[in-house]
PDB file of N, CA and C in Angstrom:
ATOM      1  N   UNK A   1     115.448 166.756 177.307  1.00  0.00           N
ATOM      2  CA  UNK A   1     116.837 166.345 177.006  1.00  0.00           C
ATOM      3  C   UNK A   1     117.443 165.181 176.112  1.00  0.00           C
ATOM      4  N   UNK A   2     116.502 164.848 175.113  1.00  0.00           N
ATOM      5  CA  UNK A   2     116.778 163.771 174.322  1.00  0.00           C
ATOM      6  C   UNK A   2     117.352 164.199 173.246  1.00  0.00           C
ATOM      7  N   UNK A   3     116.129 165.558 172.547  1.00  0.00           N
ATOM      8  CA  UNK A   3     116.576 166.077 171.585  1.00  0.00           C
ATOM      9  C   UNK A   3     117.668 167.159 172.065  1.00  0.00           C
ATOM     10  N   UNK A   4     118.271 167.528 172.820  1.00  0.00           N
ATOM     11  CA  UNK A   4     119.924 167.956 172.722  1.00  0.00           C
ATOM     12  C   UNK A   4     120.853 167.001 172.378  1.00  0.00           C
ATOM     13  N   UNK A   5     120.936 166.271 173.229  1.00  0.00           N
ATOM     14  CA  UNK A   5     121.595 164.974 172.575  1.00  0.00           C
ATOM     15  C   UNK A   5     121.809 164.763 171.042  1.00  0.00           C
ATOM     16  N   UNK A   6     120.532 164.717 171.105  1.00  0.00           N
ATOM     17  CA  UNK A   6     120.738 164.339 169.240  1.00  0.00           C
ATOM     18  C   UNK A   6     121.617 165.361 168.847  1.00  0.00           C
ATOM     19  N   UNK A   7     121.138 166.697 169.295  1.00  0.00           N
ATOM     20  CA  UNK A   7     121.871 167.856 168.055  1.00  0.00           C
ATOM     21  C   UNK A   7     123.370 167.971 168.536  1.00  0.00           C
ATOM     22  N   UNK A   8     123.251 167.112 169.646  1.00  0.00           N
ATOM     23  CA  UNK A   8     125.458 167.614 170.524  1.00  0.00           C
ATOM     24  C   UNK A   8     125.634 166.551 169.461  1.00  0.00           C
ATOM     25  N   UNK A   9     125.345 165.415 168.970  1.00  0.00           N
ATOM     26  CA  UNK A   9     125.556 164.062 168.666  1.00  0.00           C
ATOM     27  C   UNK A   9     125.395 164.644 166.860  1.00  0.00           C
ATOM     28  N   UNK A  10     124.952 165.207 166.671  1.00  0.00           N
ATOM     29  CA  UNK A  10     125.443 165.572 165.070  1.00  0.00           C
ATOM     30  C   UNK A  10     126.025 166.807 164.706  1.00  0.00           C
ATOM     31  N   UNK A  11     125.960 167.545 165.721  1.00  0.00           N
ATOM     32  CA  UNK A  11     127.404 168.329 165.834  1.00  0.00           C
ATOM     33  C   UNK A  11     128.593 167.990 165.936  1.00  0.00           C
ATOM     34  N   UNK A  12     128.532 167.124 166.653  1.00  0.00           N
ATOM     35  CA  UNK A  12     129.895 166.117 166.571  1.00  0.00           C
ATOM     36  C   UNK A  12     130.291 165.372 165.829  1.00  0.00           C
ATOM     37  N   UNK A  13     129.293 165.050 165.164  1.00  0.00           N
ATOM     38  CA  UNK A  13     129.318 164.077 163.450  1.00  0.00           C
ATOM     39  C   UNK A  13     129.965 165.668 162.551  1.00  0.00           C
ATOM     40  N   UNK A  14     129.444 166.277 162.531  1.00  0.00           N
ATOM     41  CA  UNK A  14     129.569 167.734 161.816  1.00  0.00           C
ATOM     42  C   UNK A  14     131.357 167.851 162.034  1.00  0.00           C
ATOM     43  N   UNK A  15     131.260 167.732 163.249  1.00  0.00           N
ATOM     44  CA  UNK A  15     133.346 168.421 163.503  1.00  0.00           C
ATOM     45  C   UNK A  15     133.583 167.174 162.602  1.00  0.00           C
ATOM     46  N   UNK A  16     133.953 165.859 163.331  1.00  0.00           N
ATOM     47  CA  UNK A  16     134.149 164.660 162.427  1.00  0.00           C
ATOM     48  C   UNK A  16     134.642 164.593 160.765  1.00  0.00           C
ATOM     49  N   UNK A  17     133.370 164.939 160.411  1.00  0.00           N
ATOM     50  CA  UNK A  17     133.514 165.539 158.775  1.00  0.00           C
ATOM     51  C   UNK A  17     134.177 166.962 158.420  1.00  0.00           C
ATOM     52  N   UNK A  18     134.453 167.484 159.249  1.00  0.00           N
ATOM     53  CA  UNK A  18     134.767 168.907 158.744  1.00  0.00           C
ATOM     54  C   UNK A  18     136.844 168.634 158.986  1.00  0.00           C
ATOM     55  N   UNK A  19     136.858 168.393 159.865  1.00  0.00           N
ATOM     56  CA  UNK A  19     138.467 167.691 160.239  1.00  0.00           C
ATOM     57  C   UNK A  19     139.029 166.815 159.010  1.00  0.00           C
ATOM     58  N   UNK A  20     137.948 165.715 158.450  1.00  0.00           N
ATOM     59  CA  UNK A  20     138.771 165.293 157.839  1.00  0.00           C
ATOM     60  C   UNK A  20     138.686 165.750 156.449  1.00  0.00           C
ATOM     61  N   UNK A  21     137.812 166.433 156.105  1.00  0.00           N
ATOM     62  CA  UNK A  21     137.966 167.379 155.092  1.00  0.00           C
ATOM     63  C   UNK A  21     138.805 168.805 155.110  1.00  0.00           C
ATOM     64  N   UNK A  22     139.176 169.379 156.029  1.00  0.00           N
ATOM     65  CA  UNK A  22     140.126 170.563 155.950  1.00  0.00           C
ATOM     66  C   UNK A  22     141.185 169.937 155.982  1.00  0.00           C
ATOM     67  N   UNK A  23     141.595 168.980 157.294  1.00  0.00           N
ATOM     68  CA  UNK A  23     142.646 168.460 157.706  1.00  0.00           C
ATOM     69  C   UNK A  23     143.244 167.876 156.610  1.00  0.00           C
ATOM     70  N   UNK A  24     142.202 167.215 155.562  1.00  0.00           N
ATOM     71  CA  UNK A  24     142.861 165.902 154.400  1.00  0.00           C
ATOM     72  C   UNK A  24     143.199 167.164 153.813  1.00  0.00           C
ATOM     73  N   UNK A  25     142.322 167.974 153.029  1.00  0.00           N
ATOM     74  CA  UNK A  25     143.219 169.688 152.261  1.00  0.00           C
ATOM     75  C   UNK A  25     144.494 170.028 152.985  1.00  0.00           C
ATOM     76  N   UNK A  26     144.762 170.019 154.072  1.00  0.00           N
ATOM     77  CA  UNK A  26     146.366 170.782 155.162  1.00  0.00           C
ATOM     78  C   UNK A  26     147.045 169.698 154.701  1.00  0.00           C
ATOM     79  N   UNK A  27     146.708 168.089 154.572  1.00  0.00           N
ATOM     80  CA  UNK A  27     147.912 167.352 154.491  1.00  0.00           C
ATOM     81  C   UNK A  27     147.899 166.480 153.164  1.00  0.00           C
ATOM     82  N   UNK A  28     147.365 167.071 152.078  1.00  0.00           N
ATOM     83  CA  UNK A  28     147.593 167.532 150.516  1.00  0.00           C
ATOM     84  C   UNK A  28     148.210 168.478 150.655  1.00  0.00           C
ATOM     85  N   UNK A  29     148.524 169.417 150.727  1.00  0.00           N
ATOM     86  CA  UNK A  29     149.488 170.581 150.315  1.00  0.00           C
ATOM     87  C   UNK A  29     150.339 170.206 150.987  1.00  0.00           C
ATOM     88  N   UNK A  30     150.522 169.793 152.467  1.00  0.00           N
ATOM     89  CA  UNK A  30     152.262 169.295 152.875  1.00  0.00           C
ATOM     90  C   UNK A  30     153.227 168.283 152.132  1.00  0.00           C
ATOM     91  N   UNK A  31     152.103 167.392 151.487  1.00  0.00           N
ATOM     92  CA  UNK A  31     152.731 166.303 151.137  1.00  0.00           C
ATOM     93  C   UNK A  31     153.164 166.392 149.545  1.00  0.00           C
ATOM     94  N   UNK A  32     151.971 167.167 149.192  1.00  0.00           N
ATOM     95  CA  UNK A  32     152.479 167.658 147.367  1.00  0.00           C
ATOM     96  C   UNK A  32     153.693 168.306 147.354  1.00  0.00           C
ATOM     97  N   UNK A  33     153.749 168.948 148.605  1.00  0.00           N
ATOM     98  CA  UNK A  33     155.281 169.926 148.194  1.00  0.00           C
ATOM     99  C   UNK A  33     156.645 168.946 148.156  1.00  0.00           C
ATOM    100  N   UNK A  34     156.654 167.909 148.953  1.00  0.00           N
ATOM    101  CA  UNK A  34     157.381 166.554 148.881  1.00  0.00           C
ATOM    102  C   UNK A  34     157.670 165.563 147.575  1.00  0.00           C
ATOM    103  N   UNK A  35     156.795 166.118 146.970  1.00  0.00           N
ATOM    104  CA  UNK A  35     155.945 164.531 146.266  1.00  0.00           C
ATOM    105  C   UNK A  35     156.409 164.796 144.448  1.00  0.00           C
ATOM    106  N   UNK A  36     156.885 163.602 144.087  1.00  0.00           N
ATOM    107  CA  UNK A  36     157.403 163.658 142.828  1.00  0.00           C
ATOM    108  C   UNK A  36     156.314 163.792 141.976  1.00  0.00           C
ATOM    109  N   UNK A  37     154.859 163.678 142.022  1.00  0.00           N
ATOM    110  CA  UNK A  37     153.946 163.422 141.303  1.00  0.00           C
ATOM    111  C   UNK A  37     152.749 165.108 142.568  1.00  0.00           C
ATOM    112  N   UNK A  38     152.779 166.241 142.706  1.00  0.00           N
ATOM    113  CA  UNK A  38     151.493 166.753 143.262  1.00  0.00           C
ATOM    114  C   UNK A  38     150.873 167.122 142.466  1.00  0.00           C
ATOM    115  N   UNK A  39     150.665 166.625 140.943  1.00  0.00           N
ATOM    116  CA  UNK A  39     149.837 166.871 140.011  1.00  0.00           C
ATOM    117  C   UNK A  39     148.689 166.167 140.391  1.00  0.00           C
ATOM    118  N   UNK A  40     148.909 164.683 141.169  1.00  0.00           N
ATOM    119  CA  UNK A  40     147.492 163.802 141.856  1.00  0.00           C
ATOM    120  C   UNK A  40     147.409 164.265 142.877  1.00  0.00           C
ATOM    121  N   UNK A  41     148.369 164.833 143.441  1.00  0.00           N
ATOM    122  CA  UNK A  41     147.739 164.620 145.061  1.00  0.00           C
ATOM    123  C   UNK A  41     146.389 165.606 145.373  1.00  0.00           C
ATOM    124  N   UNK A  42     146.049 166.615 144.554  1.00  0.00           N
ATOM    125  CA  UNK A  42     144.890 167.443 144.388  1.00  0.00           C
ATOM    126  C   UNK A  42     143.561 167.080 143.937  1.00  0.00           C
ATOM    127  N   UNK A  43     143.667 166.034 142.766  1.00  0.00           N
ATOM    128  CA  UNK A  43     142.442 165.483 142.333  1.00  0.00           C
ATOM    129  C   UNK A  43     141.598 164.769 142.877  1.00  0.00           C
ATOM    130  N   UNK A  44     142.574 163.906 143.022  1.00  0.00           N
ATOM    131  CA  UNK A  44     142.818 162.650 144.079  1.00  0.00           C
ATOM    132  C   UNK A  44     141.957 162.753 145.636  1.00  0.00           C
ATOM    133  N   UNK A  45     142.642 163.642 146.184  1.00  0.00           N
ATOM    134  CA  UNK A  45     141.976 164.003 147.678  1.00  0.00           C
ATOM    135  C   UNK A  45     140.770 164.641 147.518  1.00  0.00           C
ATOM    136  N   UNK A  46     140.895 165.848 146.730  1.00  0.00           N
ATOM    137  CA  UNK A  46     139.497 166.504 146.333  1.00  0.00           C
ATOM    138  C   UNK A  46     138.190 165.473 146.036  1.00  0.00           C
ATOM    139  N   UNK A  47     138.437 164.748 144.912  1.00  0.00           N
ATOM    140  CA  UNK A  47     137.146 163.807 144.817  1.00  0.00           C
ATOM    141  C   UNK A  47     137.010 162.997 146.302  1.00  0.00           C
ATOM    142  N   UNK A  48     138.170 162.452 146.864  1.00  0.00           N
ATOM    143  CA  UNK A  48     137.755 161.514 148.315  1.00  0.00           C
ATOM    144  C   UNK A  48     136.954 162.058 149.082  1.00  0.00           C
ATOM    145  N   UNK A  49     137.704 163.360 149.334  1.00  0.00           N
ATOM    146  CA  UNK A  49     137.465 164.695 151.033  1.00  0.00           C
ATOM    147  C   UNK A  49     135.775 164.348 150.409  1.00  0.00           C
ATOM    148  N   UNK A  50     135.836 164.801 149.471  1.00  0.00           N
ATOM    149  CA  UNK A  50     134.246 165.709 148.517  1.00  0.00           C
ATOM    150  C   UNK A  50     132.986 164.435 149.375  1.00  0.00           C
ATOM    151  N   UNK A  51     133.385 162.729 148.572  1.00  0.00           N
ATOM    152  CA  UNK A  51     132.634 161.896 148.400  1.00  0.00           C
ATOM    153  C   UNK A  51     132.121 161.116 149.797  1.00  0.00           C
ATOM    154  N   UNK A  52     133.030 161.679 150.495  1.00  0.00           N
ATOM    155  CA  UNK A  52     132.967 161.076 152.224  1.00  0.00           C
ATOM    156  C   UNK A  52     132.550 162.158 152.966  1.00  0.00           C
ATOM    157  N   UNK A  53     132.430 163.764 152.830  1.00  0.00           N
ATOM    158  CA  UNK A  53     132.118 164.663 153.366  1.00  0.00           C
ATOM    159  C   UNK A  53     129.830 165.039 152.703  1.00  0.00           C
ATOM    160  N   UNK A  54     129.929 164.258 151.380  1.00  0.00           N
ATOM    161  CA  UNK A  54     128.692 164.569 151.118  1.00  0.00           C
ATOM    162  C   UNK A  54     128.057 163.611 151.456  1.00  0.00           C
ATOM    163  N   UNK A  55     128.593 161.878 151.554  1.00  0.00           N
ATOM    164  CA  UNK A  55     127.863 160.871 151.717  1.00  0.00           C
ATOM    165  C   UNK A  55     127.494 161.172 152.781  1.00  0.00           C
ATOM    166  N   UNK A  56     128.570 161.639 154.541  1.00  0.00           N
ATOM    167  CA  UNK A  56     127.913 161.814 155.777  1.00  0.00           C
ATOM    168  C   UNK A  56     126.955 162.908 155.826  1.00  0.00           C
ATOM    169  N   UNK A  57     126.929 164.123 155.093  1.00  0.00           N
ATOM    170  CA  UNK A  57     126.385 165.229 154.883  1.00  0.00           C
ATOM    171  C   UNK A  57     124.632 164.526 154.318  1.00  0.00           C
ATOM    172  N   UNK A  58     124.573 163.572 153.823  1.00  0.00           N
ATOM    173  CA  UNK A  58     123.313 163.333 152.980  1.00  0.00           C
ATOM    174  C   UNK A  58     122.876 162.079 154.349  1.00  0.00           C
ATOM    175  N   UNK A  59     123.511 161.811 154.738  1.00  0.00           N
ATOM    176  CA  UNK A  59     123.474 160.462 156.202  1.00  0.00           C
ATOM    177  C   UNK A  59     122.724 161.508 156.889  1.00  0.00           C
ATOM    178  N   UNK A  60     123.137 162.596 157.294  1.00  0.00           N
ATOM    179  CA  UNK A  60     122.682 163.714 157.907  1.00  0.00           C
ATOM    180  C   UNK A  60     121.113 164.151 157.843  1.00  0.00           C
ATOM    181  N   UNK A  61     120.932 164.053 156.379  1.00  0.00           N
ATOM    182  CA  UNK A  61     120.282 165.414 156.175  1.00  0.00           C
ATOM    183  C   UNK A  61     118.743 164.301 156.545  1.00  0.00           C
ATOM    184  N   UNK A  62     119.175 163.199 156.199  1.00  0.00           N
ATOM    185  CA  UNK A  62     118.060 162.372 156.693  1.00  0.00           C
ATOM    186  C   UNK A  62     116.905 161.771 157.645  1.00  0.00           C
ATOM    187  N   UNK A  63     117.648 163.040 158.881  1.00  0.00           N
ATOM    188  CA  UNK A  63     117.572 163.157 160.216  1.00  0.00           C
ATOM    189  C   UNK A  63     116.204 164.020 160.256  1.00  0.00           C
ATOM    190  N   UNK A  64     116.047 165.106 159.481  1.00  0.00           N
ATOM    191  CA  UNK A  64     116.105 166.651 159.159  1.00  0.00           C
ATOM    192  C   UNK A  64     117.012 167.645 159.092  1.00  0.00           C
ATOM    193  N   UNK A  65     116.434 168.751 159.147  1.00  0.00           N
ATOM    194  CA  UNK A  65     116.713 170.343 158.683  1.00  0.00           C
ATOM    195  C   UNK A  65     117.684 170.234 159.988  1.00  0.00           C
ATOM    196  N   UNK A  66     116.963 169.875 161.008  1.00  0.00           N
ATOM    197  CA  UNK A  66     117.632 170.500 162.235  1.00  0.00           C
ATOM    198  C   UNK A  66     119.032 169.763 162.536  1.00  0.00           C
ATOM    199  N   UNK A  67     119.409 168.270 162.225  1.00  0.00           N
ATOM    200  CA  UNK A  67     119.975 167.801 162.133  1.00  0.00           C
ATOM    201  C   UNK A  67     120.924 167.804 161.125  1.00  0.00           C
ATOM    202  N   UNK A  68     120.450 168.605 159.819  1.00  0.00           N
ATOM    203  CA  UNK A  68     122.131 169.276 158.985  1.00  0.00           C
ATOM    204  C   UNK A  68     122.419 170.474 159.615  1.00  0.00           C
ATOM    205  N   UNK A  69     121.204 170.996 160.056  1.00  0.00           N
ATOM    206  CA  UNK A  69     121.589 172.706 160.663  1.00  0.00           C
ATOM    207  C   UNK A  69     123.190 172.584 161.480  1.00  0.00           C
ATOM    208  N   UNK A  70     122.678 171.218 162.688  1.00  0.00           N
ATOM    209  CA  UNK A  70     124.210 171.349 163.562  1.00  0.00           C
ATOM    210  C   UNK A  70     125.403 170.704 163.480  1.00  0.00           C
ATOM    211  N   UNK A  71     125.492 169.938 162.071  1.00  0.00           N
ATOM    212  CA  UNK A  71     126.314 169.315 161.971  1.00  0.00           C
ATOM    213  C   UNK A  71     126.844 170.048 160.653  1.00  0.00           C
ATOM    214  N   UNK A  72     126.464 171.529 159.952  1.00  0.00           N
ATOM    215  CA  UNK A  72     126.849 172.149 159.084  1.00  0.00           C
ATOM    216  C   UNK A  72     127.798 173.054 160.213  1.00  0.00           C
ATOM    217  N   UNK A  73     127.021 173.459 161.121  1.00  0.00           N
ATOM    218  CA  UNK A  73     127.707 174.435 162.115  1.00  0.00           C
ATOM    219  C   UNK A  73     129.158 173.245 163.299  1.00  0.00           C
ATOM    220  N   UNK A  74     129.374 172.396 163.389  1.00  0.00           N
ATOM    221  CA  UNK A  74     130.389 171.389 162.990  1.00  0.00           C
ATOM    222  C   UNK A  74     130.878 171.712 162.381  1.00  0.00           C
ATOM    223  N   UNK A  75     130.745 171.159 161.699  1.00  0.00           N
ATOM    224  CA  UNK A  75     131.694 171.812 159.836  1.00  0.00           C
ATOM    225  C   UNK A  75     132.892 172.746 159.954  1.00  0.00           C
ATOM    226  N   UNK A  76     131.627 173.583 160.207  1.00  0.00           N
ATOM    227  CA  UNK A  76     131.809 175.256 160.461  1.00  0.00           C
ATOM    228  C   UNK A  76     133.126 175.309 161.468  1.00  0.00           C
ATOM    229  N   UNK A  77     132.868 174.884 162.268  1.00  0.00           N
ATOM    230  CA  UNK A  77     133.624 174.988 163.432  1.00  0.00           C
ATOM    231  C   UNK A  77     134.669 174.861 163.485  1.00  0.00           C
ATOM    232  N   UNK A  78     135.167 173.074 162.543  1.00  0.00           N
ATOM    233  CA  UNK A  78     136.087 172.522 162.477  1.00  0.00           C
ATOM    234  C   UNK A  78     136.920 172.945 161.893  1.00  0.00           C
ATOM    235  N   UNK A  79     137.057 173.766 161.009  1.00  0.00           N
ATOM    236  CA  UNK A  79     137.451 174.833 159.826  1.00  0.00           C
ATOM    237  C   UNK A  79     138.705 175.770 160.333  1.00  0.00           C
ATOM    238  N   UNK A  80     137.667 176.062 161.600  1.00  0.00           N
ATOM    239  CA  UNK A  80     138.376 177.234 162.723  1.00  0.00           C
ATOM    240  C   UNK A  80     139.354 176.523 164.197  1.00  0.00           C
ATOM    241  N   UNK A  81     139.021 175.196 164.109  1.00  0.00           N
ATOM    242  CA  UNK A  81     139.734 174.631 164.803  1.00  0.00           C
ATOM    243  C   UNK A  81     141.191 173.949 164.274  1.00  0.00           C
ATOM    244  N   UNK A  82     140.895 173.306 162.768  1.00  0.00           N
ATOM    245  CA  UNK A  82     141.857 172.748 161.818  1.00  0.00           C
ATOM    246  C   UNK A  82     142.805 174.379 161.304  1.00  0.00           C
ATOM    247  N   UNK A  83     142.345 175.338 160.923  1.00  0.00           N
ATOM    248  CA  UNK A  83     143.343 176.452 160.917  1.00  0.00           C
ATOM    249  C   UNK A  83     144.372 176.689 162.110  1.00  0.00           C
ATOM    250  N   UNK A  84     143.418 176.490 163.346  1.00  0.00           N
ATOM    251  CA  UNK A  84     144.145 177.305 164.300  1.00  0.00           C
ATOM    252  C   UNK A  84     145.691 176.295 165.028  1.00  0.00           C
ATOM    253  N   UNK A  85     145.239 174.934 164.362  1.00  0.00           N
ATOM    254  CA  UNK A  85     146.016 173.996 164.802  1.00  0.00           C
ATOM    255  C   UNK A  85     147.144 173.763 164.200  1.00  0.00           C
ATOM    256  N   UNK A  86     146.650 174.573 162.764  1.00  0.00           N
ATOM    257  CA  UNK A  86     148.494 173.943 161.244  1.00  0.00           C
ATOM    258  C   UNK A  86     149.104 175.071 161.414  1.00  0.00           C
ATOM    259  N   UNK A  87     148.853 176.404 162.358  1.00  0.00           N
ATOM    260  CA  UNK A  87     149.110 177.588 161.802  1.00  0.00           C
ATOM    261  C   UNK A  87     151.029 177.548 162.448  1.00  0.00           C
ATOM    262  N   UNK A  88     151.952 177.727 161.777  1.00  0.00           N
ATOM    263  CA  UNK A  88     153.151 178.017 161.920  1.00  0.00           C
ATOM    264  C   UNK A  88     153.262 179.052 162.065  1.00  0.00           C
ATOM    265  N   UNK A  89     154.606 179.504 163.822  1.00  0.00           N
ATOM    266  CA  UNK A  89     154.308 180.171 163.396  1.00  0.00           C
ATOM    267  C   UNK A  89     155.803 181.324 163.070  1.00  0.00           C
ATOM    268  N   UNK A  90     155.545 182.489 162.448  1.00  0.00           N
ATOM    269  CA  UNK A  90     156.450 183.182 161.875  1.00  0.00           C
ATOM    270  C   UNK A  90     157.777 183.690 162.521  1.00  0.00           C
ATOM    271  N   UNK A  91     159.119 183.600 162.058  1.00  0.00           N
ATOM    272  CA  UNK A  91     160.259 183.994 163.160  1.00  0.00           C
ATOM    273  C   UNK A  91     160.637 185.752 162.292  1.00  0.00           C
ATOM    274  N   UNK A  92     161.209 186.553 162.540  1.00  0.00           N
ATOM    275  CA  UNK A  92     161.275 187.471 162.885  1.00  0.00           C
ATOM    276  C   UNK A  92     161.711 188.263 163.870  1.00  0.00           C
ATOM    277  N   UNK A  93     162.553 189.246 163.955  1.00  0.00           N
ATOM    278  CA  UNK A  93     164.002 189.784 164.611  1.00  0.00           C
ATOM    279  C   UNK A  93     163.967 188.562 166.528  1.00  0.00           C
ATOM    280  N   UNK A  94     163.584 187.564 166.185  1.00  0.00           N
ATOM    281  CA  UNK A  94     164.231 186.804 166.973  1.00  0.00           C
ATOM    282  C   UNK A  94     162.763 186.634 168.068  1.00  0.00           C
ATOM    283  N   UNK A  95     161.838 187.165 167.263  1.00  0.00           N
ATOM    284  CA  UNK A  95     160.076 186.713 167.859  1.00  0.00           C
ATOM    285  C   UNK A  95     159.372 185.868 166.970  1.00  0.00           C
ATOM    286  N   UNK A  96     158.796 185.209 167.105  1.00  0.00           N
ATOM    287  CA  UNK A  96     157.464 184.108 166.650  1.00  0.00           C
ATOM    288  C   UNK A  96     156.480 185.234 166.435  1.00  0.00           C
ATOM    289  N   UNK A  97     156.079 184.884 165.424  1.00  0.00           N
ATOM    290  CA  UNK A  97     154.439 185.944 165.192  1.00  0.00           C
ATOM    291  C   UNK A  97     154.277 184.542 164.590  1.00  0.00           C
ATOM    292  N   UNK A  98     152.505 184.936 164.561  1.00  0.00           N
ATOM    293  CA  UNK A  98     151.631 184.591 164.136  1.00  0.00           C
ATOM    294  C   UNK A  98     151.256 184.589 162.126  1.00  0.00           C
ATOM    295  N   UNK A  99     151.177 183.976 161.937  1.00  0.00           N
ATOM    296  CA  UNK A  99     151.157 184.483 160.020  1.00  0.00           C
ATOM    297  C   UNK A  99     149.472 184.172 160.314  1.00  0.00           C
ATOM    298  N   UNK A 100     148.868 185.681 160.362  1.00  0.00           N
ATOM    299  CA  UNK A 100     147.652 185.818 159.896  1.00  0.00           C
ATOM    300  C   UNK A 100     147.494 185.697 158.565  1.00  0.00           C
ATOM    301  N   UNK A 101     147.677 185.754 157.462  1.00  0.00           N
ATOM    302  CA  UNK A 101     146.958 185.893 156.319  1.00  0.00           C
ATOM    303  C   UNK A 101     146.717 184.186 155.666  1.00  0.00           C
ATOM    304  N   UNK A 102     147.147 183.072 156.786  1.00  0.00           N
ATOM    305  CA  UNK A 102     146.300 181.598 156.341  1.00  0.00           C
ATOM    306  C   UNK A 102     144.809 182.093 157.180  1.00  0.00           C
ATOM    307  N   UNK A 103     144.353 182.656 158.077  1.00  0.00           N
ATOM    308  CA  UNK A 103     142.869 183.114 158.217  1.00  0.00           C
ATOM    309  C   UNK A 103     142.247 183.646 157.336  1.00  0.00           C
ATOM    310  N   UNK A 104     142.289 184.077 156.147  1.00  0.00           N
ATOM    311  CA  UNK A 104     141.540 185.021 155.002  1.00  0.00           C
ATOM    312  C   UNK A 104     141.077 184.155 154.262  1.00  0.00           C
TER     313      UNK A 104
END
């Protein structure tokens, strides 16, 4: 049971890292559309998000391959969750449809 709790904790850590990374990417795109300096948002955001995620994965990797694998699974799951939560419905002919192009 103790090993299961450790794997679950590392999966949650991966979800947190992934939410930070992909949520930050979504926020960057949103802010850059209204910013007077969109060219500044993208490189700064990329460096910040990458440094935080790689640092977190480095710390997790010190615990072994199983912890790294479970955190990467959480990271991948968070991508799916962020895509689902940030989709905007399209309005066509009075009906709302979901834009599936964002999932590719």
